[in-house]
Amino acid sequence: MKEKLSSPDQHRKGIVMFSDGKDNSSAHHLLDAIEATQTAGAPIFCIRYIDAGDGRLTARNKYGISVMNRLALETGGADFDAVTGNLQEAFAAIRDQLKSSYELSYASTHPERDRTFRKVVIRSRQPGLKVRHKTGYYAR
């Protein structure tokens, strides 16, 4: 998975994923996917299609929604509902986010490369401004 995300190309990367979020015997764990995309700097934009049939969500539907939400949140992407939302607006939002993204860096006060996850919190001083970012990085 990591080989597919790494690239010498310096353009902004993003992954658009169409799914219901349900796991059908994956070869990789959810946390592996999150780690690979965080390391590659590729936010995941989830376009979710949940077939609720009779209008009620099942436990599997709710789990799928939570998985898609988490993938988007942890990688700095966004989650869209294909059933209730407008797909043109979703793709416009993805385009706008990739066009207006900024890359920040800093020197950690903890220089040890122990492969642990380091949480990052970014807050805006401007009220009402929403900052979307990955939740951290792995010290490699």
N, C-alpha and C. Protein backbone atom coordinates (compact mmCIF):
# COMPACT_ATOMS: atom_id res chain seq x y z
N MET A 1 0.82 -1.18 0.00
CA MET A 1 0.00 0.00 0.00
C MET A 1 0.87 1.26 0.00
N LYS A 2 1.91 1.29 0.82
CA LYS A 2 2.76 2.47 0.92
C LYS A 2 3.46 2.78 -0.40
N GLU A 3 3.82 1.73 -1.16
CA GLU A 3 4.50 1.93 -2.42
C GLU A 3 3.60 2.68 -3.40
N LYS A 4 2.32 2.43 -3.36
CA LYS A 4 1.38 3.06 -4.28
C LYS A 4 1.17 4.53 -3.93
N LEU A 5 1.38 4.91 -2.68
CA LEU A 5 1.16 6.29 -2.27
C LEU A 5 2.40 7.16 -2.40
N SER A 6 3.58 6.56 -2.30
CA SER A 6 4.79 7.36 -2.38
C SER A 6 5.05 7.72 -3.84
N SER A 7 5.53 8.92 -4.05
CA SER A 7 5.74 9.39 -5.41
C SER A 7 6.79 10.48 -5.39
N PRO A 8 7.66 10.52 -6.41
CA PRO A 8 8.62 11.61 -6.48
C PRO A 8 7.93 12.92 -6.90
N ASP A 9 6.71 12.81 -7.37
CA ASP A 9 5.94 13.97 -7.82
C ASP A 9 5.60 14.85 -6.61
N GLN A 10 5.80 16.14 -6.73
CA GLN A 10 5.57 17.05 -5.61
C GLN A 10 4.19 17.71 -5.64
N HIS A 11 3.30 17.25 -6.51
CA HIS A 11 1.95 17.81 -6.56
C HIS A 11 1.16 17.33 -5.35
N ARG A 12 0.11 18.06 -5.05
CA ARG A 12 -0.75 17.65 -3.94
C ARG A 12 -1.43 16.34 -4.30
N LYS A 13 -1.50 15.47 -3.32
CA LYS A 13 -2.13 14.17 -3.52
C LYS A 13 -3.37 14.07 -2.65
N GLY A 14 -4.33 13.35 -3.15
CA GLY A 14 -5.52 13.05 -2.38
C GLY A 14 -6.10 11.75 -2.90
N ILE A 15 -6.82 11.07 -2.05
CA ILE A 15 -7.46 9.83 -2.43
C ILE A 15 -8.97 10.04 -2.35
N VAL A 16 -9.66 9.74 -3.44
CA VAL A 16 -11.12 9.78 -3.43
C VAL A 16 -11.59 8.33 -3.35
N MET A 17 -12.32 8.03 -2.30
CA MET A 17 -12.73 6.65 -2.06
C MET A 17 -14.26 6.57 -2.08
N PHE A 18 -14.77 5.72 -2.96
CA PHE A 18 -16.20 5.45 -3.02
C PHE A 18 -16.43 4.14 -2.28
N SER A 19 -17.26 4.16 -1.26
CA SER A 19 -17.46 2.94 -0.48
C SER A 19 -18.69 3.08 0.42
N ASP A 20 -19.11 1.95 0.95
CA ASP A 20 -20.12 1.97 2.00
C ASP A 20 -19.44 1.88 3.37
N GLY A 21 -18.11 1.71 3.37
CA GLY A 21 -17.35 1.66 4.62
C GLY A 21 -17.34 0.31 5.30
N LYS A 22 -18.09 -0.63 4.78
CA LYS A 22 -18.13 -1.95 5.40
C LYS A 22 -16.91 -2.75 4.98
N ASP A 23 -16.37 -3.52 5.89
CA ASP A 23 -15.18 -4.32 5.62
C ASP A 23 -15.59 -5.69 5.10
N ASN A 24 -15.05 -6.05 3.95
CA ASN A 24 -15.33 -7.36 3.36
C ASN A 24 -14.05 -8.16 3.29
N SER A 25 -13.48 -8.47 4.44
CA SER A 25 -12.24 -9.25 4.60
C SER A 25 -11.03 -8.56 3.97
N SER A 26 -10.72 -7.40 4.48
CA SER A 26 -9.57 -6.63 4.00
C SER A 26 -8.26 -7.33 4.28
N ALA A 27 -7.28 -7.06 3.41
CA ALA A 27 -5.93 -7.59 3.62
C ALA A 27 -5.16 -6.71 4.61
N HIS A 28 -5.63 -5.48 4.83
CA HIS A 28 -4.95 -4.54 5.72
C HIS A 28 -5.93 -4.05 6.78
N HIS A 29 -5.40 -3.66 7.90
CA HIS A 29 -6.20 -3.12 9.00
C HIS A 29 -6.46 -1.63 8.73
N LEU A 30 -7.53 -1.11 9.27
CA LEU A 30 -7.88 0.30 9.13
C LEU A 30 -6.72 1.20 9.55
N LEU A 31 -6.07 0.87 10.65
CA LEU A 31 -4.96 1.70 11.14
C LEU A 31 -3.77 1.69 10.17
N ASP A 32 -3.56 0.57 9.45
CA ASP A 32 -2.51 0.53 8.44
C ASP A 32 -2.81 1.53 7.32
N ALA A 33 -4.06 1.58 6.90
CA ALA A 33 -4.45 2.51 5.84
C ALA A 33 -4.28 3.95 6.29
N ILE A 34 -4.66 4.23 7.53
CA ILE A 34 -4.52 5.59 8.06
C ILE A 34 -3.04 5.96 8.14
N GLU A 35 -2.20 5.07 8.65
CA GLU A 35 -0.77 5.35 8.76
C GLU A 35 -0.15 5.60 7.39
N ALA A 36 -0.49 4.77 6.41
CA ALA A 36 0.09 4.93 5.07
C ALA A 36 -0.30 6.26 4.44
N THR A 37 -1.54 6.66 4.60
CA THR A 37 -1.96 7.92 3.99
C THR A 37 -1.44 9.13 4.75
N GLN A 38 -1.32 9.02 6.07
CA GLN A 38 -0.73 10.12 6.83
C GLN A 38 0.74 10.30 6.46
N THR A 39 1.45 9.19 6.32
CA THR A 39 2.86 9.25 5.96
C THR A 39 3.05 9.84 4.57
N ALA A 40 2.16 9.48 3.65
CA ALA A 40 2.26 9.98 2.28
C ALA A 40 1.73 11.40 2.14
N GLY A 41 1.04 11.89 3.15
CA GLY A 41 0.47 13.23 3.06
C GLY A 41 -0.70 13.29 2.10
N ALA A 42 -1.44 12.21 1.99
CA ALA A 42 -2.56 12.13 1.05
C ALA A 42 -3.87 12.05 1.83
N PRO A 43 -4.63 13.14 1.90
CA PRO A 43 -5.90 13.08 2.60
C PRO A 43 -6.88 12.16 1.87
N ILE A 44 -7.74 11.52 2.62
CA ILE A 44 -8.76 10.66 2.02
C ILE A 44 -10.08 11.42 2.00
N PHE A 45 -10.67 11.48 0.82
CA PHE A 45 -11.98 12.08 0.64
C PHE A 45 -12.95 10.93 0.40
N CYS A 46 -13.81 10.69 1.36
CA CYS A 46 -14.73 9.55 1.31
C CYS A 46 -16.06 9.99 0.72
N ILE A 47 -16.48 9.30 -0.32
CA ILE A 47 -17.81 9.50 -0.87
C ILE A 47 -18.57 8.23 -0.55
N ARG A 48 -19.47 8.38 0.38
CA ARG A 48 -20.12 7.25 1.02
C ARG A 48 -21.50 7.01 0.42
N TYR A 49 -21.75 5.75 0.07
CA TYR A 49 -23.08 5.35 -0.38
C TYR A 49 -23.59 4.27 0.55
N ILE A 50 -24.61 4.60 1.31
CA ILE A 50 -25.22 3.65 2.24
C ILE A 50 -26.63 3.36 1.75
N ASP A 51 -26.90 2.11 1.45
CA ASP A 51 -28.23 1.69 1.04
C ASP A 51 -29.01 1.33 2.30
N ALA A 52 -29.85 2.25 2.73
CA ALA A 52 -30.62 2.03 3.95
C ALA A 52 -31.90 1.25 3.70
N GLY A 53 -32.19 0.94 2.45
CA GLY A 53 -33.36 0.12 2.13
C GLY A 53 -34.66 0.74 2.60
N ASP A 54 -35.06 0.41 3.80
CA ASP A 54 -36.34 0.90 4.35
C ASP A 54 -36.19 2.26 5.04
N GLY A 55 -35.04 2.89 4.88
CA GLY A 55 -34.84 4.21 5.49
C GLY A 55 -34.19 4.18 6.85
N ARG A 56 -33.99 2.99 7.41
CA ARG A 56 -33.35 2.88 8.72
C ARG A 56 -31.95 2.32 8.55
N LEU A 57 -31.02 2.83 9.32
CA LEU A 57 -29.64 2.35 9.26
C LEU A 57 -29.47 1.12 10.14
N THR A 58 -28.76 0.14 9.63
CA THR A 58 -28.42 -1.04 10.41
C THR A 58 -27.14 -0.78 11.18
N ALA A 59 -26.77 -1.69 12.06
CA ALA A 59 -25.52 -1.55 12.80
C ALA A 59 -24.34 -1.56 11.83
N ARG A 60 -24.40 -2.40 10.77
CA ARG A 60 -23.32 -2.42 9.77
C ARG A 60 -23.23 -1.10 9.01
N ASN A 61 -24.40 -0.48 8.71
CA ASN A 61 -24.39 0.82 8.06
C ASN A 61 -23.73 1.87 8.95
N LYS A 62 -24.11 1.86 10.23
CA LYS A 62 -23.54 2.84 11.17
C LYS A 62 -22.04 2.64 11.33
N TYR A 63 -21.60 1.38 11.35
CA TYR A 63 -20.17 1.10 11.44
C TYR A 63 -19.46 1.63 10.19
N GLY A 64 -20.03 1.38 9.03
CA GLY A 64 -19.44 1.87 7.78
C GLY A 64 -19.31 3.38 7.76
N ILE A 65 -20.32 4.07 8.24
CA ILE A 65 -20.28 5.53 8.31
C ILE A 65 -19.16 5.98 9.25
N SER A 66 -19.01 5.32 10.39
CA SER A 66 -17.97 5.71 11.35
C SER A 66 -16.57 5.45 10.77
N VAL A 67 -16.40 4.38 10.01
CA VAL A 67 -15.10 4.09 9.39
C VAL A 67 -14.75 5.18 8.39
N MET A 68 -15.71 5.55 7.54
CA MET A 68 -15.45 6.58 6.54
C MET A 68 -15.16 7.93 7.20
N ASN A 69 -15.91 8.26 8.25
CA ASN A 69 -15.65 9.49 9.00
C ASN A 69 -14.24 9.50 9.56
N ARG A 70 -13.83 8.37 10.14
CA ARG A 70 -12.50 8.29 10.77
C ARG A 70 -11.40 8.42 9.73
N LEU A 71 -11.52 7.73 8.60
CA LEU A 71 -10.51 7.83 7.55
C LEU A 71 -10.34 9.28 7.10
N ALA A 72 -11.44 9.96 6.91
CA ALA A 72 -11.37 11.36 6.48
C ALA A 72 -10.76 12.24 7.58
N LEU A 73 -11.24 12.10 8.79
CA LEU A 73 -10.77 12.93 9.90
C LEU A 73 -9.28 12.73 10.17
N GLU A 74 -8.83 11.50 10.26
CA GLU A 74 -7.44 11.19 10.62
C GLU A 74 -6.44 11.62 9.55
N THR A 75 -6.90 11.74 8.30
CA THR A 75 -5.97 12.06 7.21
C THR A 75 -6.10 13.49 6.72
N GLY A 76 -7.04 14.25 7.28
CA GLY A 76 -7.21 15.63 6.86
C GLY A 76 -8.13 15.79 5.67
N GLY A 77 -8.84 14.75 5.32
CA GLY A 77 -9.76 14.80 4.19
C GLY A 77 -11.16 15.20 4.64
N ALA A 78 -12.15 14.72 3.91
CA ALA A 78 -13.54 15.03 4.22
C ALA A 78 -14.42 13.85 3.85
N ASP A 79 -15.60 13.81 4.45
CA ASP A 79 -16.54 12.72 4.26
C ASP A 79 -17.81 13.28 3.65
N PHE A 80 -18.28 12.67 2.56
CA PHE A 80 -19.48 13.14 1.87
C PHE A 80 -20.47 12.00 1.74
N ASP A 81 -21.75 12.31 1.82
CA ASP A 81 -22.80 11.32 1.66
C ASP A 81 -23.34 11.42 0.24
N ALA A 82 -23.18 10.37 -0.55
CA ALA A 82 -23.61 10.37 -1.94
C ALA A 82 -25.13 10.32 -2.08
N VAL A 83 -25.83 9.85 -1.06
CA VAL A 83 -27.28 9.72 -1.16
C VAL A 83 -27.96 11.06 -0.88
N THR A 84 -27.56 11.71 0.22
CA THR A 84 -28.23 12.96 0.60
C THR A 84 -27.52 14.20 0.08
N GLY A 85 -26.28 14.07 -0.37
CA GLY A 85 -25.51 15.23 -0.81
C GLY A 85 -25.46 15.36 -2.33
N ASN A 86 -24.92 16.46 -2.78
CA ASN A 86 -24.75 16.75 -4.19
C ASN A 86 -23.32 16.39 -4.57
N LEU A 87 -23.14 15.46 -5.49
CA LEU A 87 -21.80 15.01 -5.86
C LEU A 87 -20.98 16.11 -6.54
N GLN A 88 -21.63 16.97 -7.30
CA GLN A 88 -20.89 18.08 -7.91
C GLN A 88 -20.31 19.00 -6.84
N GLU A 89 -21.08 19.24 -5.80
CA GLU A 89 -20.60 20.06 -4.68
C GLU A 89 -19.49 19.35 -3.93
N ALA A 90 -19.60 18.03 -3.78
CA ALA A 90 -18.56 17.26 -3.10
C ALA A 90 -17.24 17.36 -3.85
N PHE A 91 -17.27 17.16 -5.17
CA PHE A 91 -16.04 17.24 -5.95
C PHE A 91 -15.48 18.66 -6.00
N ALA A 92 -16.36 19.65 -6.00
CA ALA A 92 -15.90 21.05 -5.94
C ALA A 92 -15.20 21.32 -4.60
N ALA A 93 -15.75 20.76 -3.51
CA ALA A 93 -15.13 20.93 -2.19
C ALA A 93 -13.77 20.25 -2.13
N ILE A 94 -13.66 19.07 -2.73
CA ILE A 94 -12.38 18.36 -2.77
C ILE A 94 -11.37 19.17 -3.57
N ARG A 95 -11.77 19.65 -4.73
CA ARG A 95 -10.89 20.47 -5.56
C ARG A 95 -10.42 21.72 -4.79
N ASP A 96 -11.37 22.39 -4.16
CA ASP A 96 -11.04 23.61 -3.43
C ASP A 96 -10.09 23.33 -2.27
N GLN A 97 -10.30 22.23 -1.57
CA GLN A 97 -9.40 21.91 -0.46
C GLN A 97 -7.99 21.63 -0.96
N LEU A 98 -7.87 20.86 -2.04
CA LEU A 98 -6.53 20.56 -2.55
C LEU A 98 -5.85 21.81 -3.10
N LYS A 99 -6.63 22.72 -3.68
CA LYS A 99 -6.04 23.96 -4.22
C LYS A 99 -5.61 24.92 -3.12
N SER A 100 -6.31 24.88 -1.98
CA SER A 100 -6.04 25.87 -0.94
C SER A 100 -5.30 25.28 0.26
N SER A 101 -4.73 24.12 0.09
CA SER A 101 -4.00 23.48 1.19
C SER A 101 -2.65 24.14 1.40
N TYR A 102 -2.22 24.16 2.64
CA TYR A 102 -0.90 24.65 2.99
C TYR A 102 -0.16 23.55 3.72
N GLU A 103 1.12 23.52 3.53
CA GLU A 103 1.93 22.53 4.21
C GLU A 103 2.74 23.25 5.29
N LEU A 104 2.61 22.78 6.52
CA LEU A 104 3.33 23.34 7.65
C LEU A 104 4.34 22.32 8.14
N SER A 105 5.43 22.82 8.69
CA SER A 105 6.40 21.90 9.30
C SER A 105 6.94 22.55 10.57
N TYR A 106 7.51 21.73 11.40
CA TYR A 106 8.11 22.21 12.64
C TYR A 106 9.15 21.20 13.09
N ALA A 107 10.02 21.64 13.98
CA ALA A 107 11.03 20.75 14.55
C ALA A 107 10.53 20.27 15.91
N SER A 108 10.40 18.97 16.05
CA SER A 108 9.90 18.40 17.29
C SER A 108 10.92 18.58 18.41
N THR A 109 10.43 18.78 19.62
CA THR A 109 11.31 18.87 20.79
C THR A 109 11.67 17.47 21.28
N HIS A 110 11.06 16.47 20.68
CA HIS A 110 11.32 15.07 21.03
C HIS A 110 11.96 14.41 19.80
N PRO A 111 13.29 14.49 19.67
CA PRO A 111 13.96 14.07 18.43
C PRO A 111 14.05 12.55 18.21
N GLU A 112 13.72 11.75 19.21
CA GLU A 112 13.86 10.30 19.07
C GLU A 112 12.91 9.76 18.00
N ARG A 113 13.43 8.93 17.09
CA ARG A 113 12.64 8.30 16.03
C ARG A 113 12.21 6.91 16.49
N ASP A 114 11.19 6.87 17.34
CA ASP A 114 10.79 5.62 17.97
C ASP A 114 9.57 4.98 17.32
N ARG A 115 9.19 5.44 16.15
CA ARG A 115 8.07 4.90 15.35
C ARG A 115 6.72 5.05 16.04
N THR A 116 6.64 5.86 17.09
CA THR A 116 5.37 6.05 17.78
C THR A 116 4.56 7.14 17.07
N PHE A 117 3.27 7.15 17.35
CA PHE A 117 2.39 8.16 16.78
C PHE A 117 2.45 9.40 17.64
N ARG A 118 2.64 10.54 17.02
CA ARG A 118 2.70 11.82 17.72
C ARG A 118 1.50 12.66 17.30
N LYS A 119 0.67 12.99 18.24
CA LYS A 119 -0.54 13.76 17.97
C LYS A 119 -0.20 15.21 17.67
N VAL A 120 -0.92 15.79 16.73
CA VAL A 120 -0.74 17.19 16.36
C VAL A 120 -2.10 17.88 16.47
N VAL A 121 -2.12 19.04 17.11
CA VAL A 121 -3.34 19.83 17.23
C VAL A 121 -3.06 21.20 16.63
N ILE A 122 -3.90 21.61 15.70
CA ILE A 122 -3.77 22.92 15.06
C ILE A 122 -5.06 23.67 15.30
N ARG A 123 -4.95 24.87 15.84
CA ARG A 123 -6.12 25.70 16.12
C ARG A 123 -5.96 27.04 15.43
N SER A 124 -7.07 27.60 15.01
CA SER A 124 -7.05 28.92 14.39
C SER A 124 -7.35 29.99 15.43
N ARG A 125 -6.70 31.10 15.31
CA ARG A 125 -6.99 32.21 16.21
C ARG A 125 -8.24 32.97 15.74
N GLN A 126 -8.60 32.76 14.49
CA GLN A 126 -9.76 33.44 13.93
C GLN A 126 -11.03 32.64 14.23
N PRO A 127 -11.97 33.22 14.96
CA PRO A 127 -13.21 32.51 15.30
C PRO A 127 -13.98 32.13 14.02
N GLY A 128 -14.55 30.93 14.04
CA GLY A 128 -15.37 30.49 12.92
C GLY A 128 -14.61 29.85 11.78
N LEU A 129 -13.29 29.91 11.81
CA LEU A 129 -12.48 29.31 10.76
C LEU A 129 -12.23 27.85 11.11
N LYS A 130 -12.52 26.97 10.17
CA LYS A 130 -12.32 25.54 10.41
C LYS A 130 -11.00 25.10 9.80
N VAL A 131 -10.18 24.45 10.60
CA VAL A 131 -8.90 23.93 10.14
C VAL A 131 -9.03 22.42 10.04
N ARG A 132 -8.73 21.89 8.87
CA ARG A 132 -8.78 20.45 8.66
C ARG A 132 -7.34 19.97 8.47
N HIS A 133 -6.94 18.97 9.26
CA HIS A 133 -5.56 18.50 9.18
C HIS A 133 -5.50 17.06 9.65
N LYS A 134 -4.39 16.40 9.30
CA LYS A 134 -4.23 15.05 9.81
C LYS A 134 -3.98 15.14 11.31
N THR A 135 -4.30 14.09 12.01
CA THR A 135 -4.26 14.13 13.48
C THR A 135 -2.90 13.94 14.08
N GLY A 136 -1.91 13.62 13.26
CA GLY A 136 -0.57 13.43 13.79
C GLY A 136 0.34 12.79 12.77
N TYR A 137 1.46 12.26 13.25
CA TYR A 137 2.45 11.63 12.37
C TYR A 137 3.17 10.53 13.13
N TYR A 138 3.82 9.67 12.39
CA TYR A 138 4.62 8.61 12.98
C TYR A 138 6.09 9.01 12.94
N ALA A 139 6.76 8.98 14.08
CA ALA A 139 8.16 9.39 14.18
C ALA A 139 9.03 8.30 13.57
N ARG A 140 9.50 8.53 12.38
CA ARG A 140 10.33 7.56 11.66
C ARG A 140 11.74 8.07 11.53
